[in-house]
Amino acid sequence: MIDHFGFPVADVEASAATYLRLFAPLGIVEAVRIPHEGSAVVGLAGPAGVPQFWLSPGGALERELHVAFSAPDRAAVDAVHAVALEAGVEVLHAPREWPEYHPGYYGVFLRDPDGHNVEAVHHGF
């Protein structure tokens, strides 16, 4: 249903570095970088290599956004959590099953540099 989406961020370099570090266990990589007004617009891609998550200059939003990245298994969710702890990233909710969403929903929730709620999730049906 979703082709791609993007977040305006206060510091593209810092946000890109954070997302690339946190979600490396999910295979997320920088796919494209387009210079833009003294900064850049950065497209991140998953294992398929198609940029679907974009970071652009524009400052943080007044309200938090939420994005969840698919994890291939629970171990990948746990690996994202381990990277977050190592990097000193705020952990909103440690990895666990969330049966109120559906049986097998296993996720970790984190805070990105702009205050957004970002998640790694595995749907273990």
PDB file of N, CA and C in Angstrom:
ATOM      1  N   MET A   1       0.818  -1.190   0.000  1.00  0.00           N
ATOM      2  CA  MET A   1       0.000   0.000   0.000  1.00  0.00           C
ATOM      3  C   MET A   1       0.862   1.254   0.000  1.00  0.00           C
ATOM      4  N   ILE A   2       1.929   1.302   0.791  1.00  0.00           N
ATOM      5  CA  ILE A   2       2.768   2.493   0.854  1.00  0.00           C
ATOM      6  C   ILE A   2       3.947   2.307  -0.082  1.00  0.00           C
ATOM      7  N   ASP A   3       4.172   3.278  -0.965  1.00  0.00           N
ATOM      8  CA  ASP A   3       5.304   3.241  -1.877  1.00  0.00           C
ATOM      9  C   ASP A   3       6.560   3.774  -1.200  1.00  0.00           C
ATOM     10  N   HIS A   4       6.430   4.940  -0.564  1.00  0.00           N
ATOM     11  CA  HIS A   4       7.541   5.534   0.181  1.00  0.00           C
ATOM     12  C   HIS A   4       7.002   6.634   1.075  1.00  0.00           C
ATOM     13  N   PHE A   5       7.815   7.073   2.032  1.00  0.00           N
ATOM     14  CA  PHE A   5       7.437   8.183   2.895  1.00  0.00           C
ATOM     15  C   PHE A   5       8.708   8.856   3.380  1.00  0.00           C
ATOM     16  N   GLY A   6       8.556  10.057   3.930  1.00  0.00           N
ATOM     17  CA  GLY A   6       9.716  10.796   4.373  1.00  0.00           C
ATOM     18  C   GLY A   6       9.441  11.622   5.601  1.00  0.00           C
ATOM     19  N   PHE A   7      10.521  11.951   6.299  1.00  0.00           N
ATOM     20  CA  PHE A   7      10.466  12.794   7.485  1.00  0.00           C
ATOM     21  C   PHE A   7      11.309  14.031   7.248  1.00  0.00           C
ATOM     22  N   PRO A   8      10.800  15.212   7.596  1.00  0.00           N
ATOM     23  CA  PRO A   8      11.703  16.362   7.679  1.00  0.00           C
ATOM     24  C   PRO A   8      12.461  16.251   8.999  1.00  0.00           C
ATOM     25  N   VAL A   9      13.766  16.501   8.960  1.00  0.00           N
ATOM     26  CA  VAL A   9      14.586  16.364  10.158  1.00  0.00           C
ATOM     27  C   VAL A   9      15.450  17.603  10.355  1.00  0.00           C
ATOM     28  N   ALA A  10      15.866  17.827  11.588  1.00  0.00           N
ATOM     29  CA  ALA A  10      16.685  18.991  11.911  1.00  0.00           C
ATOM     30  C   ALA A  10      18.086  18.860  11.334  1.00  0.00           C
ATOM     31  N   ASP A  11      18.640  17.659  11.321  1.00  0.00           N
ATOM     32  CA  ASP A  11      20.005  17.419  10.860  1.00  0.00           C
ATOM     33  C   ASP A  11      20.013  16.113  10.066  1.00  0.00           C
ATOM     34  N   VAL A  12      20.039  16.233   8.742  1.00  0.00           N
ATOM     35  CA  VAL A  12      19.965  15.052   7.880  1.00  0.00           C
ATOM     36  C   VAL A  12      21.117  14.092   8.162  1.00  0.00           C
ATOM     37  N   GLU A  13      22.329  14.627   8.311  1.00  0.00           N
ATOM     38  CA  GLU A  13      23.493  13.761   8.546  1.00  0.00           C
ATOM     39  C   GLU A  13      23.339  12.957   9.836  1.00  0.00           C
ATOM     40  N   ALA A  14      22.941  13.630  10.912  1.00  0.00           N
ATOM     41  CA  ALA A  14      22.781  12.947  12.201  1.00  0.00           C
ATOM     42  C   ALA A  14      21.658  11.921  12.140  1.00  0.00           C
ATOM     43  N   SER A  15      20.550  12.285  11.523  1.00  0.00           N
ATOM     44  CA  SER A  15      19.422  11.352  11.439  1.00  0.00           C
ATOM     45  C   SER A  15      19.764  10.159  10.562  1.00  0.00           C
ATOM     46  N   ALA A  16      20.392  10.395   9.412  1.00  0.00           N
ATOM     47  CA  ALA A  16      20.773   9.288   8.535  1.00  0.00           C
ATOM     48  C   ALA A  16      21.729   8.346   9.258  1.00  0.00           C
ATOM     49  N   ALA A  17      22.705   8.906   9.953  1.00  0.00           N
ATOM     50  CA  ALA A  17      23.654   8.068  10.688  1.00  0.00           C
ATOM     51  C   ALA A  17      22.944   7.237  11.756  1.00  0.00           C
ATOM     52  N   THR A  18      21.984   7.839  12.447  1.00  0.00           N
ATOM     53  CA  THR A  18      21.241   7.122  13.483  1.00  0.00           C
ATOM     54  C   THR A  18      20.437   5.977  12.882  1.00  0.00           C
ATOM     55  N   TYR A  19      19.677   6.257  11.827  1.00  0.00           N
ATOM     56  CA  TYR A  19      18.854   5.211  11.211  1.00  0.00           C
ATOM     57  C   TYR A  19      19.725   4.097  10.631  1.00  0.00           C
ATOM     58  N   LEU A  20      20.828   4.466   9.984  1.00  0.00           N
ATOM     59  CA  LEU A  20      21.706   3.449   9.407  1.00  0.00           C
ATOM     60  C   LEU A  20      22.321   2.572  10.479  1.00  0.00           C
ATOM     61  N   ARG A  21      22.690   3.152  11.605  1.00  0.00           N
ATOM     62  CA  ARG A  21      23.286   2.366  12.693  1.00  0.00           C
ATOM     63  C   ARG A  21      22.237   1.489  13.374  1.00  0.00           C
ATOM     64  N   LEU A  22      21.111   2.106  13.753  1.00  0.00           N
ATOM     65  CA  LEU A  22      20.089   1.361  14.490  1.00  0.00           C
ATOM     66  C   LEU A  22      19.518   0.201  13.687  1.00  0.00           C
ATOM     67  N   PHE A  23      19.225   0.455  12.424  1.00  0.00           N
ATOM     68  CA  PHE A  23      18.493  -0.528  11.641  1.00  0.00           C
ATOM     69  C   PHE A  23      19.363  -1.328  10.672  1.00  0.00           C
ATOM     70  N   ALA A  24      20.690  -1.265  10.855  1.00  0.00           N
ATOM     71  CA  ALA A  24      21.591  -2.112  10.064  1.00  0.00           C
ATOM     72  C   ALA A  24      21.238  -3.595  10.209  1.00  0.00           C
ATOM     73  N   PRO A  25      20.825  -4.053  11.417  1.00  0.00           N
ATOM     74  CA  PRO A  25      20.455  -5.472  11.534  1.00  0.00           C
ATOM     75  C   PRO A  25      19.263  -5.872  10.654  1.00  0.00           C
ATOM     76  N   LEU A  26      18.526  -4.901  10.153  1.00  0.00           N
ATOM     77  CA  LEU A  26      17.387  -5.181   9.275  1.00  0.00           C
ATOM     78  C   LEU A  26      17.767  -5.057   7.808  1.00  0.00           C
ATOM     79  N   GLY A  27      19.034  -4.728   7.539  1.00  0.00           N
ATOM     80  CA  GLY A  27      19.491  -4.583   6.157  1.00  0.00           C
ATOM     81  C   GLY A  27      19.230  -3.215   5.558  1.00  0.00           C
ATOM     82  N   ILE A  28      18.937  -2.218   6.391  1.00  0.00           N
ATOM     83  CA  ILE A  28      18.669  -0.878   5.885  1.00  0.00           C
ATOM     84  C   ILE A  28      19.988  -0.188   5.557  1.00  0.00           C
ATOM     85  N   VAL A  29      20.051   0.370   4.339  1.00  0.00           N
ATOM     86  CA  VAL A  29      21.247   1.031   3.832  1.00  0.00           C
ATOM     87  C   VAL A  29      20.872   2.347   3.159  1.00  0.00           C
ATOM     88  N   GLU A  30      21.873   3.201   2.971  1.00  0.00           N
ATOM     89  CA  GLU A  30      21.652   4.425   2.201  1.00  0.00           C
ATOM     90  C   GLU A  30      21.657   4.045   0.723  1.00  0.00           C
ATOM     91  N   ALA A  31      20.577   4.368   0.019  1.00  0.00           N
ATOM     92  CA  ALA A  31      20.450   4.008  -1.394  1.00  0.00           C
ATOM     93  C   ALA A  31      20.724   5.183  -2.318  1.00  0.00           C
ATOM     94  N   VAL A  32      20.393   6.394  -1.856  1.00  0.00           N
ATOM     95  CA  VAL A  32      20.587   7.576  -2.705  1.00  0.00           C
ATOM     96  C   VAL A  32      20.750   8.809  -1.829  1.00  0.00           C
ATOM     97  N   ARG A  33      21.545   9.752  -2.317  1.00  0.00           N
ATOM     98  CA  ARG A  33      21.762  11.027  -1.629  1.00  0.00           C
ATOM     99  C   ARG A  33      21.679  12.113  -2.699  1.00  0.00           C
ATOM    100  N   ILE A  34      20.778  13.045  -2.507  1.00  0.00           N
ATOM    101  CA  ILE A  34      20.568  14.131  -3.461  1.00  0.00           C
ATOM    102  C   ILE A  34      20.909  15.444  -2.769  1.00  0.00           C
ATOM    103  N   PRO A  35      21.925  16.172  -3.246  1.00  0.00           N
ATOM    104  CA  PRO A  35      22.234  17.472  -2.640  1.00  0.00           C
ATOM    105  C   PRO A  35      21.013  18.392  -2.693  1.00  0.00           C
ATOM    106  N   HIS A  36      20.804  19.115  -1.588  1.00  0.00           N
ATOM    107  CA  HIS A  36      19.640  19.991  -1.519  1.00  0.00           C
ATOM    108  C   HIS A  36      19.913  21.145  -0.566  1.00  0.00           C
ATOM    109  N   GLU A  37      20.014  22.346  -1.097  1.00  0.00           N
ATOM    110  CA  GLU A  37      20.126  23.585  -0.324  1.00  0.00           C
ATOM    111  C   GLU A  37      21.141  23.490   0.821  1.00  0.00           C
ATOM    112  N   GLY A  38      22.368  23.104   0.500  1.00  0.00           N
ATOM    113  CA  GLY A  38      23.416  23.032   1.507  1.00  0.00           C
ATOM    114  C   GLY A  38      23.353  21.801   2.386  1.00  0.00           C
ATOM    115  N   SER A  39      22.423  20.925   2.122  1.00  0.00           N
ATOM    116  CA  SER A  39      22.292  19.678   2.877  1.00  0.00           C
ATOM    117  C   SER A  39      22.079  18.564   1.864  1.00  0.00           C
ATOM    118  N   ALA A  40      21.216  17.644   2.184  1.00  0.00           N
ATOM    119  CA  ALA A  40      20.902  16.553   1.267  1.00  0.00           C
ATOM    120  C   ALA A  40      19.553  15.956   1.618  1.00  0.00           C
ATOM    121  N   VAL A  41      18.991  15.286   0.648  1.00  0.00           N
ATOM    122  CA  VAL A  41      17.846  14.422   0.873  1.00  0.00           C
ATOM    123  C   VAL A  41      18.403  13.014   0.740  1.00  0.00           C
ATOM    124  N   VAL A  42      18.152  12.174   1.733  1.00  0.00           N
ATOM    125  CA  VAL A  42      18.737  10.835   1.767  1.00  0.00           C
ATOM    126  C   VAL A  42      17.623   9.799   1.714  1.00  0.00           C
ATOM    127  N   GLY A  43      17.750   8.870   0.772  1.00  0.00           N
ATOM    128  CA  GLY A  43      16.799   7.771   0.643  1.00  0.00           C
ATOM    129  C   GLY A  43      17.393   6.495   1.196  1.00  0.00           C
ATOM    130  N   LEU A  44      16.724   5.906   2.162  1.00  0.00           N
ATOM    131  CA  LEU A  44      17.163   4.646   2.763  1.00  0.00           C
ATOM    132  C   LEU A  44      16.344   3.498   2.182  1.00  0.00           C
ATOM    133  N   ALA A  45      17.016   2.352   2.033  1.00  0.00           N
ATOM    134  CA  ALA A  45      16.372   1.182   1.437  1.00  0.00           C
ATOM    135  C   ALA A  45      16.582  -0.036   2.311  1.00  0.00           C
ATOM    136  N   GLY A  46      15.670  -0.972   2.180  1.00  0.00           N
ATOM    137  CA  GLY A  46      15.802  -2.267   2.836  1.00  0.00           C
ATOM    138  C   GLY A  46      16.539  -3.227   1.922  1.00  0.00           C
ATOM    139  N   PRO A  47      16.450  -4.505   2.213  1.00  0.00           N
ATOM    140  CA  PRO A  47      17.178  -5.509   1.443  1.00  0.00           C
ATOM    141  C   PRO A  47      16.884  -5.506  -0.064  1.00  0.00           C
ATOM    142  N   ALA A  48      15.716  -5.029  -0.464  1.00  0.00           N
ATOM    143  CA  ALA A  48      15.378  -4.985  -1.895  1.00  0.00           C
ATOM    144  C   ALA A  48      16.123  -3.878  -2.637  1.00  0.00           C
ATOM    145  N   GLY A  49      16.702  -2.925  -1.891  1.00  0.00           N
ATOM    146  CA  GLY A  49      17.487  -1.861  -2.513  1.00  0.00           C
ATOM    147  C   GLY A  49      16.704  -0.676  -3.035  1.00  0.00           C
ATOM    148  N   VAL A  50      15.398  -0.655  -2.811  1.00  0.00           N
ATOM    149  CA  VAL A  50      14.552   0.442  -3.297  1.00  0.00           C
ATOM    150  C   VAL A  50      14.397   1.476  -2.187  1.00  0.00           C
ATOM    151  N   PRO A  51      14.779   2.746  -2.431  1.00  0.00           N
ATOM    152  CA  PRO A  51      14.621   3.751  -1.373  1.00  0.00           C
ATOM    153  C   PRO A  51      13.137   4.000  -1.083  1.00  0.00           C
ATOM    154  N   GLN A  52      12.750   3.719   0.153  1.00  0.00           N
ATOM    155  CA  GLN A  52      11.351   3.886   0.540  1.00  0.00           C
ATOM    156  C   GLN A  52      11.181   4.800   1.739  1.00  0.00           C
ATOM    157  N   PHE A  53      12.286   5.115   2.420  1.00  0.00           N
ATOM    158  CA  PHE A  53      12.234   5.993   3.585  1.00  0.00           C
ATOM    159  C   PHE A  53      13.204   7.138   3.342  1.00  0.00           C
ATOM    160  N   TRP A  54      12.672   8.362   3.331  1.00  0.00           N
ATOM    161  CA  TRP A  54      13.446   9.532   2.958  1.00  0.00           C
ATOM    162  C   TRP A  54      13.585  10.500   4.126  1.00  0.00           C
ATOM    163  N   LEU A  55      14.782  11.046   4.270  1.00  0.00           N
ATOM    164  CA  LEU A  55      15.069  12.066   5.267  1.00  0.00           C
ATOM    165  C   LEU A  55      15.424  13.345   4.519  1.00  0.00           C
ATOM    166  N   SER A  56      14.774  14.443   4.892  1.00  0.00           N
ATOM    167  CA  SER A  56      15.027  15.700   4.189  1.00  0.00           C
ATOM    168  C   SER A  56      15.200  16.838   5.184  1.00  0.00           C
ATOM    169  N   PRO A  57      15.940  17.874   4.801  1.00  0.00           N
ATOM    170  CA  PRO A  57      16.094  19.016   5.702  1.00  0.00           C
ATOM    171  C   PRO A  57      14.759  19.726   5.867  1.00  0.00           C
ATOM    172  N   GLY A  58      14.553  20.286   7.029  1.00  0.00           N
ATOM    173  CA  GLY A  58      13.309  20.999   7.229  1.00  0.00           C
ATOM    174  C   GLY A  58      12.973  21.211   8.681  1.00  0.00           C
ATOM    175  N   GLY A  59      13.759  20.651   9.557  1.00  0.00           N
ATOM    176  CA  GLY A  59      13.502  20.844  10.978  1.00  0.00           C
ATOM    177  C   GLY A  59      12.566  19.796  11.526  1.00  0.00           C
ATOM    178  N   ALA A  60      12.648  19.625  12.808  1.00  0.00           N
ATOM    179  CA  ALA A  60      11.799  18.656  13.483  1.00  0.00           C
ATOM    180  C   ALA A  60      10.349  19.120  13.475  1.00  0.00           C
ATOM    181  N   LEU A  61       9.438  18.180  13.514  1.00  0.00           N
ATOM    182  CA  LEU A  61       8.017  18.488  13.566  1.00  0.00           C
ATOM    183  C   LEU A  61       7.597  18.731  15.010  1.00  0.00           C
ATOM    184  N   GLU A  62       6.459  19.384  15.176  1.00  0.00           N
ATOM    185  CA  GLU A  62       5.971  19.674  16.521  1.00  0.00           C
ATOM    186  C   GLU A  62       5.407  18.440  17.212  1.00  0.00           C
ATOM    187  N   ARG A  63       4.999  17.454  16.436  1.00  0.00           N
ATOM    188  CA  ARG A  63       4.448  16.228  17.011  1.00  0.00           C
ATOM    189  C   ARG A  63       5.252  15.049  16.504  1.00  0.00           C
ATOM    190  N   GLU A  64       5.336  14.023  17.320  1.00  0.00           N
ATOM    191  CA  GLU A  64       6.113  12.856  16.900  1.00  0.00           C
ATOM    192  C   GLU A  64       5.394  12.077  15.806  1.00  0.00           C
ATOM    193  N   LEU A  65       6.195  11.498  14.949  1.00  0.00           N
ATOM    194  CA  LEU A  65       5.709  10.572  13.949  1.00  0.00           C
ATOM    195  C   LEU A  65       6.087   9.172  14.412  1.00  0.00           C
ATOM    196  N   HIS A  66       5.461   8.179  13.810  1.00  0.00           N
ATOM    197  CA  HIS A  66       5.798   6.796  14.121  1.00  0.00           C
ATOM    198  C   HIS A  66       6.047   6.054  12.824  1.00  0.00           C
ATOM    199  N   VAL A  67       7.127   5.290  12.808  1.00  0.00           N
ATOM    200  CA  VAL A  67       7.414   4.418  11.670  1.00  0.00           C
ATOM    201  C   VAL A  67       7.929   3.103  12.218  1.00  0.00           C
ATOM    202  N   ALA A  68       7.485   2.009  11.607  1.00  0.00           N
ATOM    203  CA  ALA A  68       7.931   0.680  12.001  1.00  0.00           C
ATOM    204  C   ALA A  68       8.603   0.016  10.805  1.00  0.00           C
ATOM    205  N   PHE A  69       9.809  -0.497  11.032  1.00  0.00           N
ATOM    206  CA  PHE A  69      10.550  -1.199   9.997  1.00  0.00           C
ATOM    207  C   PHE A  69      10.413  -2.699  10.228  1.00  0.00           C
ATOM    208  N   SER A  70      10.181  -3.447   9.144  1.00  0.00           N
ATOM    209  CA  SER A  70       9.997  -4.899   9.225  1.00  0.00           C
ATOM    210  C   SER A  70      11.306  -5.595   9.550  1.00  0.00           C
ATOM    211  N   ALA A  71      11.220  -6.525  10.471  1.00  0.00           N
ATOM    212  CA  ALA A  71      12.366  -7.356  10.838  1.00  0.00           C
ATOM    213  C   ALA A  71      12.088  -8.787  10.377  1.00  0.00           C
ATOM    214  N   PRO A  72      13.106  -9.493   9.898  1.00  0.00           N
ATOM    215  CA  PRO A  72      12.871 -10.845   9.403  1.00  0.00           C
ATOM    216  C   PRO A  72      12.591 -11.867  10.507  1.00  0.00           C
ATOM    217  N   ASP A  73      13.005 -11.538  11.741  1.00  0.00           N
ATOM    218  CA  ASP A  73      12.786 -12.458  12.846  1.00  0.00           C
ATOM    219  C   ASP A  73      12.988 -11.713  14.169  1.00  0.00           C
ATOM    220  N   ARG A  74      12.726 -12.401  15.272  1.00  0.00           N
ATOM    221  CA  ARG A  74      12.874 -11.787  16.594  1.00  0.00           C
ATOM    222  C   ARG A  74      14.334 -11.431  16.885  1.00  0.00           C
ATOM    223  N   ALA A  75      15.256 -12.235  16.398  1.00  0.00           N
ATOM    224  CA  ALA A  75      16.676 -11.962  16.637  1.00  0.00           C
ATOM    225  C   ALA A  75      17.076 -10.612  16.050  1.00  0.00           C
ATOM    226  N   ALA A  76      16.513 -10.236  14.912  1.00  0.00           N
ATOM    227  CA  ALA A  76      16.820  -8.937  14.304  1.00  0.00           C
ATOM    228  C   ALA A  76      16.266  -7.804  15.163  1.00  0.00           C
ATOM    229  N   VAL A  77      15.080  -7.987  15.727  1.00  0.00           N
ATOM    230  CA  VAL A  77      14.514  -6.987  16.639  1.00  0.00           C
ATOM    231  C   VAL A  77      15.437  -6.836  17.851  1.00  0.00           C
ATOM    232  N   ASP A  78      15.874  -7.949  18.394  1.00  0.00           N
ATOM    233  CA  ASP A  78      16.787  -7.911  19.538  1.00  0.00           C
ATOM    234  C   ASP A  78      18.111  -7.245  19.172  1.00  0.00           C
ATOM    235  N   ALA A  79      18.585  -7.459  17.947  1.00  0.00           N
ATOM    236  CA  ALA A  79      19.834  -6.838  17.498  1.00  0.00           C
ATOM    237  C   ALA A  79      19.676  -5.319  17.393  1.00  0.00           C
ATOM    238  N   VAL A  80      18.530  -4.850  16.910  1.00  0.00           N
ATOM    239  CA  VAL A  80      18.264  -3.407  16.866  1.00  0.00           C
ATOM    240  C   VAL A  80      18.301  -2.843  18.281  1.00  0.00           C
ATOM    241  N   HIS A  81      17.690  -3.528  19.220  1.00  0.00           N
ATOM    242  CA  HIS A  81      17.689  -3.098  20.618  1.00  0.00           C
ATOM    243  C   HIS A  81      19.117  -3.016  21.153  1.00  0.00           C
ATOM    244  N   ALA A  82      19.933  -4.016  20.861  1.00  0.00           N
ATOM    245  CA  ALA A  82      21.326  -4.024  21.326  1.00  0.00           C
ATOM    246  C   ALA A  82      22.105  -2.835  20.755  1.00  0.00           C
ATOM    247  N   VAL A  83      21.901  -2.544  19.484  1.00  0.00           N
ATOM    248  CA  VAL A  83      22.567  -1.391  18.870  1.00  0.00           C
ATOM    249  C   VAL A  83      22.109  -0.099  19.541  1.00  0.00           C
ATOM    250  N   ALA A  84      20.816   0.014  19.804  1.00  0.00           N
ATOM    251  CA  ALA A  84      20.278   1.215  20.464  1.00  0.00           C
ATOM    252  C   ALA A  84      20.912   1.420  21.831  1.00  0.00           C
ATOM    253  N   LEU A  85      21.010   0.352  22.615  1.00  0.00           N
ATOM    254  CA  LEU A  85      21.626   0.459  23.938  1.00  0.00           C
ATOM    255  C   LEU A  85      23.087   0.883  23.822  1.00  0.00           C
ATOM    256  N   GLU A  86      23.806   0.283  22.884  1.00  0.00           N
ATOM    257  CA  GLU A  86      25.213   0.612  22.667  1.00  0.00           C
ATOM    258  C   GLU A  86      25.391   2.070  22.251  1.00  0.00           C
ATOM    259  N   ALA A  87      24.445   2.571  21.456  1.00  0.00           N
ATOM    260  CA  ALA A  87      24.530   3.938  20.937  1.00  0.00           C
ATOM    261  C   ALA A  87      23.962   4.974  21.910  1.00  0.00           C
ATOM    262  N   GLY A  88      23.363   4.534  23.001  1.00  0.00           N
ATOM    263  CA  GLY A  88      22.779   5.474  23.947  1.00  0.00           C
ATOM    264  C   GLY A  88      21.465   6.075  23.482  1.00  0.00           C
ATOM    265  N   VAL A  89      20.777   5.382  22.589  1.00  0.00           N
ATOM    266  CA  VAL A  89      19.485   5.839  22.074  1.00  0.00           C
ATOM    267  C   VAL A  89      18.397   5.528  23.102  1.00  0.00           C
ATOM    268  N   GLU A  90      17.471   6.439  23.265  1.00  0.00           N
ATOM    269  CA  GLU A  90      16.376   6.219  24.210  1.00  0.00           C
ATOM    270  C   GLU A  90      15.506   5.059  23.747  1.00  0.00           C
ATOM    271  N   VAL A  91      15.329   4.091  24.623  1.00  0.00           N
ATOM    272  CA  VAL A  91      14.459   2.947  24.351  1.00  0.00           C
ATOM    273  C   VAL A  91      13.111   3.241  25.004  1.00  0.00           C
ATOM    274  N   LEU A  92      12.081   3.355  24.181  1.00  0.00           N
ATOM    275  CA  LEU A  92      10.736   3.615  24.702  1.00  0.00           C
ATOM    276  C   LEU A  92      10.130   2.339  25.281  1.00  0.00           C
ATOM    277  N   HIS A  93      10.300   1.235  24.558  1.00  0.00           N
ATOM    278  CA  HIS A  93       9.809  -0.070  25.002  1.00  0.00           C
ATOM    279  C   HIS A  93      10.789  -1.126  24.532  1.00  0.00           C
ATOM    280  N   ALA A  94      11.363  -1.878  25.463  1.00  0.00           N
ATOM    281  CA  ALA A  94      12.285  -2.957  25.127  1.00  0.00           C
ATOM    282  C   ALA A  94      11.545  -4.026  24.319  1.00  0.00           C
ATOM    283  N   PRO A  95      12.291  -4.868  23.614  1.00  0.00           N
ATOM    284  CA  PRO A  95      11.629  -5.898  22.804  1.00  0.00           C
ATOM    285  C   PRO A  95      10.737  -6.805  23.649  1.00  0.00           C
ATOM    286  N   ARG A  96       9.552  -7.011  23.125  1.00  0.00           N
ATOM    287  CA  ARG A  96       8.624  -7.946  23.756  1.00  0.00           C
ATOM    288  C   ARG A  96       7.503  -8.240  22.780  1.00  0.00           C
ATOM    289  N   GLU A  97       6.714  -9.229  23.110  1.00  0.00           N
ATOM    290  CA  GLU A  97       5.525  -9.517  22.311  1.00  0.00           C
ATOM    291  C   GLU A  97       4.420  -8.556  22.745  1.00  0.00           C
ATOM    292  N   TRP A  98       3.669  -8.078  21.767  1.00  0.00           N
ATOM    293  CA  TRP A  98       2.561  -7.152  22.006  1.00  0.00           C
ATOM    294  C   TRP A  98       1.265  -7.840  21.576  1.00  0.00           C
ATOM    295  N   PRO A  99       0.702  -8.718  22.434  1.00  0.00           N
ATOM    296  CA  PRO A  99      -0.489  -9.481  22.041  1.00  0.00           C
ATOM    297  C   PRO A  99      -1.711  -8.605  21.806  1.00  0.00           C
ATOM    298  N   GLU A 100      -1.700  -7.389  22.376  1.00  0.00           N
ATOM    299  CA  GLU A 100      -2.831  -6.494  22.131  1.00  0.00           C
ATOM    300  C   GLU A 100      -2.898  -6.045  20.668  1.00  0.00           C
ATOM    301  N   TYR A 101      -1.763  -6.130  19.953  1.00  0.00           N
ATOM    302  CA  TYR A 101      -1.755  -5.820  18.511  1.00  0.00           C
ATOM    303  C   TYR A 101      -2.186  -7.046  17.725  1.00  0.00           C
ATOM    304  N   HIS A 102      -1.518  -8.171  17.953  1.00  0.00           N
ATOM    305  CA  HIS A 102      -1.928  -9.490  17.454  1.00  0.00           C
ATOM    306  C   HIS A 102      -0.920 -10.509  17.977  1.00  0.00           C
ATOM    307  N   PRO A 103      -1.308 -11.770  18.086  1.00  0.00           N
ATOM    308  CA  PRO A 103      -0.365 -12.791  18.544  1.00  0.00           C
ATOM    309  C   PRO A 103       0.864 -12.830  17.625  1.00  0.00           C
ATOM    310  N   GLY A 104       2.034 -12.878  18.220  1.00  0.00           N
ATOM    311  CA  GLY A 104       3.263 -12.945  17.445  1.00  0.00           C
ATOM    312  C   GLY A 104       3.880 -11.605  17.099  1.00  0.00           C
ATOM    313  N   TYR A 105       3.221 -10.492  17.465  1.00  0.00           N
ATOM    314  CA  TYR A 105       3.758  -9.153  17.192  1.00  0.00           C
ATOM    315  C   TYR A 105       4.889  -8.904  18.189  1.00  0.00           C
ATOM    316  N   TYR A 106       6.114  -8.819  17.703  1.00  0.00           N
ATOM    317  CA  TYR A 106       7.290  -8.664  18.560  1.00  0.00           C
ATOM    318  C   TYR A 106       8.041  -7.415  18.108  1.00  0.00           C
ATOM    319  N   GLY A 107       8.139  -6.421  18.979  1.00  0.00           N
ATOM    320  CA  GLY A 107       8.752  -5.171  18.561  1.00  0.00           C
ATOM    321  C   GLY A 107       9.535  -4.465  19.642  1.00  0.00           C
ATOM    322  N   VAL A 108      10.389  -3.555  19.197  1.00  0.00           N
ATOM    323  CA  VAL A 108      11.134  -2.640  20.061  1.00  0.00           C
ATOM    324  C   VAL A 108      10.833  -1.227  19.564  1.00  0.00           C
ATOM    325  N   PHE A 109      10.625  -0.303  20.498  1.00  0.00           N
ATOM    326  CA  PHE A 109      10.295   1.078  20.171  1.00  0.00           C
ATOM    327  C   PHE A 109      11.405   1.991  20.691  1.00  0.00           C
ATOM    328  N   LEU A 110      11.861   2.909  19.836  1.00  0.00           N
ATOM    329  CA  LEU A 110      12.989   3.786  20.138  1.00  0.00           C
ATOM    330  C   LEU A 110      12.640   5.232  19.818  1.00  0.00           C
ATOM    331  N   ARG A 111      13.473   6.164  20.278  1.00  0.00           N
ATOM    332  CA  ARG A 111      13.298   7.599  19.999  1.00  0.00           C
ATOM    333  C   ARG A 111      14.429   8.029  19.074  1.00  0.00           C
ATOM    334  N   ASP A 112      14.106   8.625  17.916  1.00  0.00           N
ATOM    335  CA  ASP A 112      15.148   9.094  16.994  1.00  0.00           C
ATOM    336  C   ASP A 112      15.626  10.491  17.392  1.00  0.00           C
ATOM    337  N   PRO A 113      16.633  11.059  16.708  1.00  0.00           N
ATOM    338  CA  PRO A 113      17.177  12.358  17.113  1.00  0.00           C
ATOM    339  C   PRO A 113      16.172  13.515  17.113  1.00  0.00           C
ATOM    340  N   ASP A 114      15.091  13.387  16.326  1.00  0.00           N
ATOM    341  CA  ASP A 114      14.075  14.439  16.281  1.00  0.00           C
ATOM    342  C   ASP A 114      12.886  14.148  17.178  1.00  0.00           C
ATOM    343  N   GLY A 115      12.974  13.105  17.987  1.00  0.00           N
ATOM    344  CA  GLY A 115      11.900  12.789  18.922  1.00  0.00           C
ATOM    345  C   GLY A 115      10.833  11.863  18.385  1.00  0.00           C
ATOM    346  N   HIS A 116      11.041  11.313  17.182  1.00  0.00           N
ATOM    347  CA  HIS A 116      10.049  10.414  16.605  1.00  0.00           C
ATOM    348  C   HIS A 116      10.150   9.014  17.214  1.00  0.00           C
ATOM    349  N   ASN A 117       9.039   8.325  17.227  1.00  0.00           N
ATOM    350  CA  ASN A 117       8.914   6.966  17.742  1.00  0.00           C
ATOM    351  C   ASN A 117       9.178   6.014  16.579  1.00  0.00           C
ATOM    352  N   VAL A 118      10.313   5.312  16.620  1.00  0.00           N
ATOM    353  CA  VAL A 118      10.669   4.395  15.548  1.00  0.00           C
ATOM    354  C   VAL A 118      10.740   2.980  16.108  1.00  0.00           C
ATOM    355  N   GLU A 119      10.388   2.033  15.273  1.00  0.00           N
ATOM    356  CA  GLU A 119      10.194   0.657  15.753  1.00  0.00           C
ATOM    357  C   GLU A 119      10.800  -0.346  14.782  1.00  0.00           C
ATOM    358  N   ALA A 120      11.264  -1.444  15.316  1.00  0.00           N
ATOM    359  CA  ALA A 120      11.577  -2.637  14.527  1.00  0.00           C
ATOM    360  C   ALA A 120      10.582  -3.687  14.975  1.00  0.00           C
ATOM    361  N   VAL A 121       9.906  -4.330  14.013  1.00  0.00           N
ATOM    362  CA  VAL A 121       8.853  -5.279  14.347  1.00  0.00           C
ATOM    363  C   VAL A 121       8.944  -6.536  13.499  1.00  0.00           C
ATOM    364  N   HIS A 122       8.681  -7.662  14.164  1.00  0.00           N
ATOM    365  CA  HIS A 122       8.551  -8.942  13.471  1.00  0.00           C
ATOM    366  C   HIS A 122       7.142  -9.460  13.723  1.00  0.00           C
ATOM    367  N   HIS A 123       6.467  -9.836  12.649  1.00  0.00           N
ATOM    368  CA  HIS A 123       5.118 -10.391  12.765  1.00  0.00           C
ATOM    369  C   HIS A 123       5.231 -11.905  12.671  1.00  0.00           C
ATOM    370  N   GLY A 124       5.382 -12.547  13.821  1.00  0.00           N
ATOM    371  CA  GLY A 124       5.551 -13.994  13.848  1.00  0.00           C
ATOM    372  C   GLY A 124       4.215 -14.712  13.968  1.00  0.00           C
ATOM    373  N   PHE A 125       3.522 -14.813  12.870  1.00  0.00           N
ATOM    374  CA  PHE A 125       2.193 -15.445  12.896  1.00  0.00           C
ATOM    375  C   PHE A 125       2.310 -16.926  13.113  1.00  0.00           C
TER     376      PHE A 125
END
